[in-house]
Structures are given as structure tokens and as C-alpha cells.
Amino acid sequence: MPQLRRHVLVAIIGAVLAAALGVGVWLLWPATAAPPAPTNAVVVRKPADPGEQARIAAVAELAERLPAAVARGDTSVWSAATRERFADLSATLPTGSTVTVDRATWRRTGAVASVEVTVAGGDQAPRRYTLVVVHEDGTWRVSGTFRLEQP
């Protein structure tokens, strides 16, 4: 009988060790699920997102008054960084020119946004630009522009 008891004890110890090993492997095995999304992910807002229409309207108003602001030499429409490198834009935005905003192209990430605009007027053909704006001191200001190729 003592031999049987010894075999049962060895079997129980072996089962406990196998179970512990199985639990250890299960806990340490790499997960096959997708990793969680990073918390610092960049979120790009589009026109249909909540609250964006009001931002687009404010930037459209800013863009539409750019030619008059440039004609007056009003630099308050520029961001602080842009004012430091301000150049004469009267050739780009001659008196009487208009700026039309394509609201469907609005993209915003935090305090920086972009939208495509068309500048018309003067003796030049209409030109398309990406207008980059920043929300600074409670208002949208122009940070820069990029000329787009004509379609």
C-alpha cells in the first residue's frame, strides 16, 4: 500500500506542476489581438465632424477679407510667426481680388487647419492654394499658403 500512496502522491505533484506550467505559459504567451490604439494618435477633423462648420465659417470669413487686409497693410490676419517673416502680398492678392474657400477640403488637427482656396482677380487667371491657418489668441490666423497645381 505504501507504494501505491507514493505513486498517487507523485501523480498529484506532477498534475499540479503541469497545471502551473500551463497557467504560466498562458499568462506569458504573446497576445494575438491587435495592440491598443496609441493615446497620442493624431485625429484629423473633417467638415462633417461636430463643431467643424463653425470653424470653417470663421476661416472662410478670414480668407475672404485677406485681399482687403493686405491692401491696408493689416498684419493682424497673420500668425505671430508669419508676421515675423511678412512679405508684400499685394502682387498675389491685388486690390479687387477675391478669395473663395472650398469648404469640403477642410482638415483640422488641434489648433492647425488647412483648406483649399481660389484666388481670382487682377489680370491673372484664378489660382488655387492650400491655406494653412492656426488658432492663436482666440482667433484663426493665416500661417502660410501652398500653391496647388492647376487641374
C-alpha atoms as a PDB file:
ATOM      1  CA  MET A   1       0.000   0.000   0.000  1.00  0.00           C
ATOM      2  CA  PRO A   2       2.797   2.484   0.726  1.00  0.00           C
ATOM      3  CA  GLN A   3       3.969   2.028  -2.871  1.00  0.00           C
ATOM      4  CA  LEU A   4       0.503   2.963  -4.177  1.00  0.00           C
ATOM      5  CA  ARG A   5       0.403   6.006  -1.952  1.00  0.00           C
ATOM      6  CA  ARG A   6       3.752   7.117  -3.285  1.00  0.00           C
ATOM      7  CA  HIS A   7       2.569   6.734  -6.899  1.00  0.00           C
ATOM      8  CA  VAL A   8      -0.594   8.752  -6.168  1.00  0.00           C
ATOM      9  CA  LEU A   9       1.467  11.468  -4.473  1.00  0.00           C
ATOM     10  CA  VAL A  10       3.869  11.649  -7.435  1.00  0.00           C
ATOM     11  CA  ALA A  11       0.898  11.806  -9.832  1.00  0.00           C
ATOM     12  CA  ILE A  12      -0.721  14.638  -7.861  1.00  0.00           C
ATOM     13  CA  ILE A  13       2.529  16.612  -7.701  1.00  0.00           C
ATOM     14  CA  GLY A  14       3.042  16.055 -11.442  1.00  0.00           C
ATOM     15  CA  ALA A  15      -0.508  17.260 -12.201  1.00  0.00           C
ATOM     16  CA  VAL A  16      -0.036  20.386 -10.047  1.00  0.00           C
ATOM     17  CA  LEU A  17       3.287  21.180 -11.750  1.00  0.00           C
ATOM     18  CA  ALA A  18       1.779  20.636 -15.214  1.00  0.00           C
ATOM     19  CA  ALA A  19      -1.150  22.927 -14.345  1.00  0.00           C
ATOM     20  CA  ALA A  20       1.205  25.609 -13.004  1.00  0.00           C
ATOM     21  CA  LEU A  21       3.323  25.355 -16.139  1.00  0.00           C
ATOM     22  CA  GLY A  22       0.205  25.633 -18.313  1.00  0.00           C
ATOM     23  CA  VAL A  23      -1.018  28.732 -16.451  1.00  0.00           C
ATOM     24  CA  GLY A  24       2.454  30.300 -16.702  1.00  0.00           C
ATOM     25  CA  VAL A  25       2.651  29.703 -20.445  1.00  0.00           C
ATOM     26  CA  TRP A  26      -0.885  31.046 -20.925  1.00  0.00           C
ATOM     27  CA  LEU A  27      -0.081  34.236 -18.981  1.00  0.00           C
ATOM     28  CA  LEU A  28       3.245  34.863 -20.687  1.00  0.00           C
ATOM     29  CA  TRP A  29       2.249  33.902 -24.238  1.00  0.00           C
ATOM     30  CA  PRO A  30       2.102  36.971 -26.525  1.00  0.00           C
ATOM     31  CA  ALA A  31      -1.424  38.171 -27.258  1.00  0.00           C
ATOM     32  CA  THR A  32      -2.632  37.712 -30.801  1.00  0.00           C
ATOM     33  CA  ALA A  33      -5.161  40.539 -30.556  1.00  0.00           C
ATOM     34  CA  ALA A  34      -4.412  43.882 -32.202  1.00  0.00           C
ATOM     35  CA  PRO A  35      -2.462  46.268 -29.976  1.00  0.00           C
ATOM     36  CA  PRO A  36      -4.446  49.115 -28.451  1.00  0.00           C
ATOM     37  CA  ALA A  37      -4.567  52.379 -30.365  1.00  0.00           C
ATOM     38  CA  PRO A  38      -1.895  54.823 -29.218  1.00  0.00           C
ATOM     39  CA  THR A  39      -3.148  57.563 -26.946  1.00  0.00           C
ATOM     40  CA  ASN A  40      -1.118  60.185 -28.804  1.00  0.00           C
ATOM     41  CA  ALA A  41      -2.715  59.440 -32.185  1.00  0.00           C
ATOM     42  CA  VAL A  42      -3.330  62.410 -34.463  1.00  0.00           C
ATOM     43  CA  VAL A  43      -7.012  62.962 -35.153  1.00  0.00           C
ATOM     44  CA  VAL A  44      -7.855  64.785 -38.359  1.00  0.00           C
ATOM     45  CA  ARG A  45     -11.192  66.558 -38.260  1.00  0.00           C
ATOM     46  CA  LYS A  46     -13.284  66.933 -41.420  1.00  0.00           C
ATOM     47  CA  PRO A  47     -16.247  69.159 -42.328  1.00  0.00           C
ATOM     48  CA  ALA A  48     -18.858  66.624 -41.164  1.00  0.00           C
ATOM     49  CA  ASP A  49     -17.361  66.340 -37.659  1.00  0.00           C
ATOM     50  CA  PRO A  50     -19.227  68.082 -34.825  1.00  0.00           C
ATOM     51  CA  GLY A  51     -18.289  71.746 -34.399  1.00  0.00           C
ATOM     52  CA  GLU A  52     -16.263  71.999 -37.588  1.00  0.00           C
ATOM     53  CA  GLN A  53     -18.800  74.047 -39.567  1.00  0.00           C
ATOM     54  CA  ALA A  54     -18.367  76.993 -37.177  1.00  0.00           C
ATOM     55  CA  ARG A  55     -14.585  76.779 -37.530  1.00  0.00           C
ATOM     56  CA  ILE A  56     -14.858  76.587 -41.310  1.00  0.00           C
ATOM     57  CA  ALA A  57     -17.139  79.644 -41.348  1.00  0.00           C
ATOM     58  CA  ALA A  58     -14.620  81.627 -39.266  1.00  0.00           C
ATOM     59  CA  VAL A  59     -11.739  80.673 -41.561  1.00  0.00           C
ATOM     60  CA  ALA A  60     -13.816  81.395 -44.679  1.00  0.00           C
ATOM     61  CA  GLU A  61     -14.546  84.870 -43.314  1.00  0.00           C
ATOM     62  CA  LEU A  62     -10.824  85.352 -42.642  1.00  0.00           C
ATOM     63  CA  ALA A  63      -9.904  84.185 -46.154  1.00  0.00           C
ATOM     64  CA  GLU A  64     -12.490  86.411 -47.801  1.00  0.00           C
ATOM     65  CA  ARG A  65     -11.144  89.508 -46.070  1.00  0.00           C
ATOM     66  CA  LEU A  66      -7.489  88.762 -46.868  1.00  0.00           C
ATOM     67  CA  PRO A  67      -7.296  90.932 -50.038  1.00  0.00           C
ATOM     68  CA  ALA A  68      -8.602  93.998 -48.188  1.00  0.00           C
ATOM     69  CA  ALA A  69      -6.325  93.324 -45.205  1.00  0.00           C
ATOM     70  CA  VAL A  70      -3.291  93.048 -47.490  1.00  0.00           C
ATOM     71  CA  ALA A  71      -4.276  96.255 -49.312  1.00  0.00           C
ATOM     72  CA  ARG A  72      -4.470  98.088 -45.945  1.00  0.00           C
ATOM     73  CA  GLY A  73      -1.216  96.553 -44.703  1.00  0.00           C
ATOM     74  CA  ASP A  74      -3.149  94.903 -41.853  1.00  0.00           C
ATOM     75  CA  THR A  75      -0.918  92.176 -40.435  1.00  0.00           C
ATOM     76  CA  SER A  76      -3.374  91.067 -37.722  1.00  0.00           C
ATOM     77  CA  VAL A  77      -4.615  88.336 -40.075  1.00  0.00           C
ATOM     78  CA  TRP A  78      -1.202  86.616 -39.928  1.00  0.00           C
ATOM     79  CA  SER A  79       0.049  84.324 -37.180  1.00  0.00           C
ATOM     80  CA  ALA A  80       2.811  85.692 -34.946  1.00  0.00           C
ATOM     81  CA  ALA A  81       5.408  83.565 -36.732  1.00  0.00           C
ATOM     82  CA  THR A  82       4.172  84.712 -40.137  1.00  0.00           C
ATOM     83  CA  ARG A  83       4.254  88.392 -39.099  1.00  0.00           C
ATOM     84  CA  GLU A  84       7.969  87.984 -38.375  1.00  0.00           C
ATOM     85  CA  ARG A  85       8.602  86.978 -41.986  1.00  0.00           C
ATOM     86  CA  PHE A  86       5.771  89.005 -43.548  1.00  0.00           C
ATOM     87  CA  ALA A  87       6.280  89.908 -47.186  1.00  0.00           C
ATOM     88  CA  ASP A  88       4.340  92.171 -49.505  1.00  0.00           C
ATOM     89  CA  LEU A  89       1.492  90.071 -50.881  1.00  0.00           C
ATOM     90  CA  SER A  90      -0.113  92.800 -52.963  1.00  0.00           C
ATOM     91  CA  ALA A  91       1.016  91.025 -56.163  1.00  0.00           C
ATOM     92  CA  THR A  92      -0.632  87.773 -55.044  1.00  0.00           C
ATOM     93  CA  LEU A  93      -3.740  89.486 -53.709  1.00  0.00           C
ATOM     94  CA  PRO A  94      -4.156  92.613 -55.840  1.00  0.00           C
ATOM     95  CA  THR A  95      -6.834  95.154 -54.984  1.00  0.00           C
ATOM     96  CA  GLY A  96     -10.215  93.828 -56.023  1.00  0.00           C
ATOM     97  CA  SER A  97      -9.210  90.180 -55.877  1.00  0.00           C
ATOM     98  CA  THR A  98     -11.448  87.632 -54.206  1.00  0.00           C
ATOM     99  CA  VAL A  99     -10.709  84.502 -52.212  1.00  0.00           C
ATOM    100  CA  THR A 100     -13.178  81.621 -52.416  1.00  0.00           C
ATOM    101  CA  VAL A 101     -12.977  78.772 -49.905  1.00  0.00           C
ATOM    102  CA  ASP A 102     -13.645  75.150 -50.893  1.00  0.00           C
ATOM    103  CA  ARG A 103     -15.218  74.100 -47.577  1.00  0.00           C
ATOM    104  CA  ALA A 104     -15.182  70.386 -48.478  1.00  0.00           C
ATOM    105  CA  THR A 105     -11.359  70.403 -48.308  1.00  0.00           C
ATOM    106  CA  TRP A 106     -11.239  71.486 -44.631  1.00  0.00           C
ATOM    107  CA  ARG A 107      -8.898  69.427 -42.439  1.00  0.00           C
ATOM    108  CA  ARG A 108      -8.007  70.280 -38.835  1.00  0.00           C
ATOM    109  CA  THR A 109      -5.688  68.768 -36.267  1.00  0.00           C
ATOM    110  CA  GLY A 110      -5.814  70.604 -32.967  1.00  0.00           C
ATOM    111  CA  ALA A 111      -5.092  74.296 -33.496  1.00  0.00           C
ATOM    112  CA  VAL A 112      -3.810  73.879 -37.072  1.00  0.00           C
ATOM    113  CA  ALA A 113      -6.063  73.572 -40.119  1.00  0.00           C
ATOM    114  CA  SER A 114      -5.935  73.746 -43.885  1.00  0.00           C
ATOM    115  CA  VAL A 115      -8.439  74.455 -46.613  1.00  0.00           C
ATOM    116  CA  GLU A 116      -8.150  74.958 -50.360  1.00  0.00           C
ATOM    117  CA  VAL A 117      -8.911  78.416 -51.710  1.00  0.00           C
ATOM    118  CA  THR A 118      -9.154  80.006 -55.145  1.00  0.00           C
ATOM    119  CA  VAL A 119      -7.774  83.498 -55.646  1.00  0.00           C
ATOM    120  CA  ALA A 120      -9.295  85.429 -58.552  1.00  0.00           C
ATOM    121  CA  GLY A 121      -8.920  88.985 -59.704  1.00  0.00           C
ATOM    122  CA  GLY A 122      -6.482  91.379 -61.200  1.00  0.00           C
ATOM    123  CA  ASP A 123      -5.212  90.385 -64.622  1.00  0.00           C
ATOM    124  CA  GLN A 124      -4.246  86.851 -63.539  1.00  0.00           C
ATOM    125  CA  ALA A 125      -6.132  83.628 -64.100  1.00  0.00           C
ATOM    126  CA  PRO A 126      -7.692  82.115 -60.946  1.00  0.00           C
ATOM    127  CA  ARG A 127      -5.109  80.318 -58.826  1.00  0.00           C
ATOM    128  CA  ARG A 128      -5.633  77.565 -56.233  1.00  0.00           C
ATOM    129  CA  TYR A 129      -3.814  77.437 -52.919  1.00  0.00           C
ATOM    130  CA  THR A 130      -3.854  75.451 -49.718  1.00  0.00           C
ATOM    131  CA  LEU A 131      -4.384  77.980 -46.957  1.00  0.00           C
ATOM    132  CA  VAL A 132      -2.854  76.914 -43.633  1.00  0.00           C
ATOM    133  CA  VAL A 133      -4.273  78.578 -40.534  1.00  0.00           C
ATOM    134  CA  VAL A 134      -3.602  78.387 -36.801  1.00  0.00           C
ATOM    135  CA  HIS A 135      -5.919  79.169 -33.918  1.00  0.00           C
ATOM    136  CA  GLU A 136      -3.960  81.771 -31.981  1.00  0.00           C
ATOM    137  CA  ASP A 137      -5.093  84.157 -29.251  1.00  0.00           C
ATOM    138  CA  GLY A 138      -8.704  83.050 -29.705  1.00  0.00           C
ATOM    139  CA  THR A 139      -8.905  83.630 -33.449  1.00  0.00           C
ATOM    140  CA  TRP A 140      -7.863  81.951 -36.697  1.00  0.00           C
ATOM    141  CA  ARG A 141      -4.811  83.475 -38.378  1.00  0.00           C
ATOM    142  CA  VAL A 142      -3.003  82.679 -41.618  1.00  0.00           C
ATOM    143  CA  SER A 143       0.201  80.718 -41.157  1.00  0.00           C
ATOM    144  CA  GLY A 144       1.039  80.119 -44.815  1.00  0.00           C
ATOM    145  CA  THR A 145      -0.078  79.103 -48.265  1.00  0.00           C
ATOM    146  CA  PHE A 146       0.979  76.495 -50.796  1.00  0.00           C
ATOM    147  CA  ARG A 147       0.276  76.912 -54.492  1.00  0.00           C
ATOM    148  CA  LEU A 148      -1.623  73.969 -55.970  1.00  0.00           C
ATOM    149  CA  GLU A 149      -1.112  72.708 -59.478  1.00  0.00           C
ATOM    150  CA  GLN A 150      -3.910  73.562 -61.849  1.00  0.00           C
ATOM    151  CA  PRO A 151      -6.067  70.552 -62.801  1.00  0.00           C
END
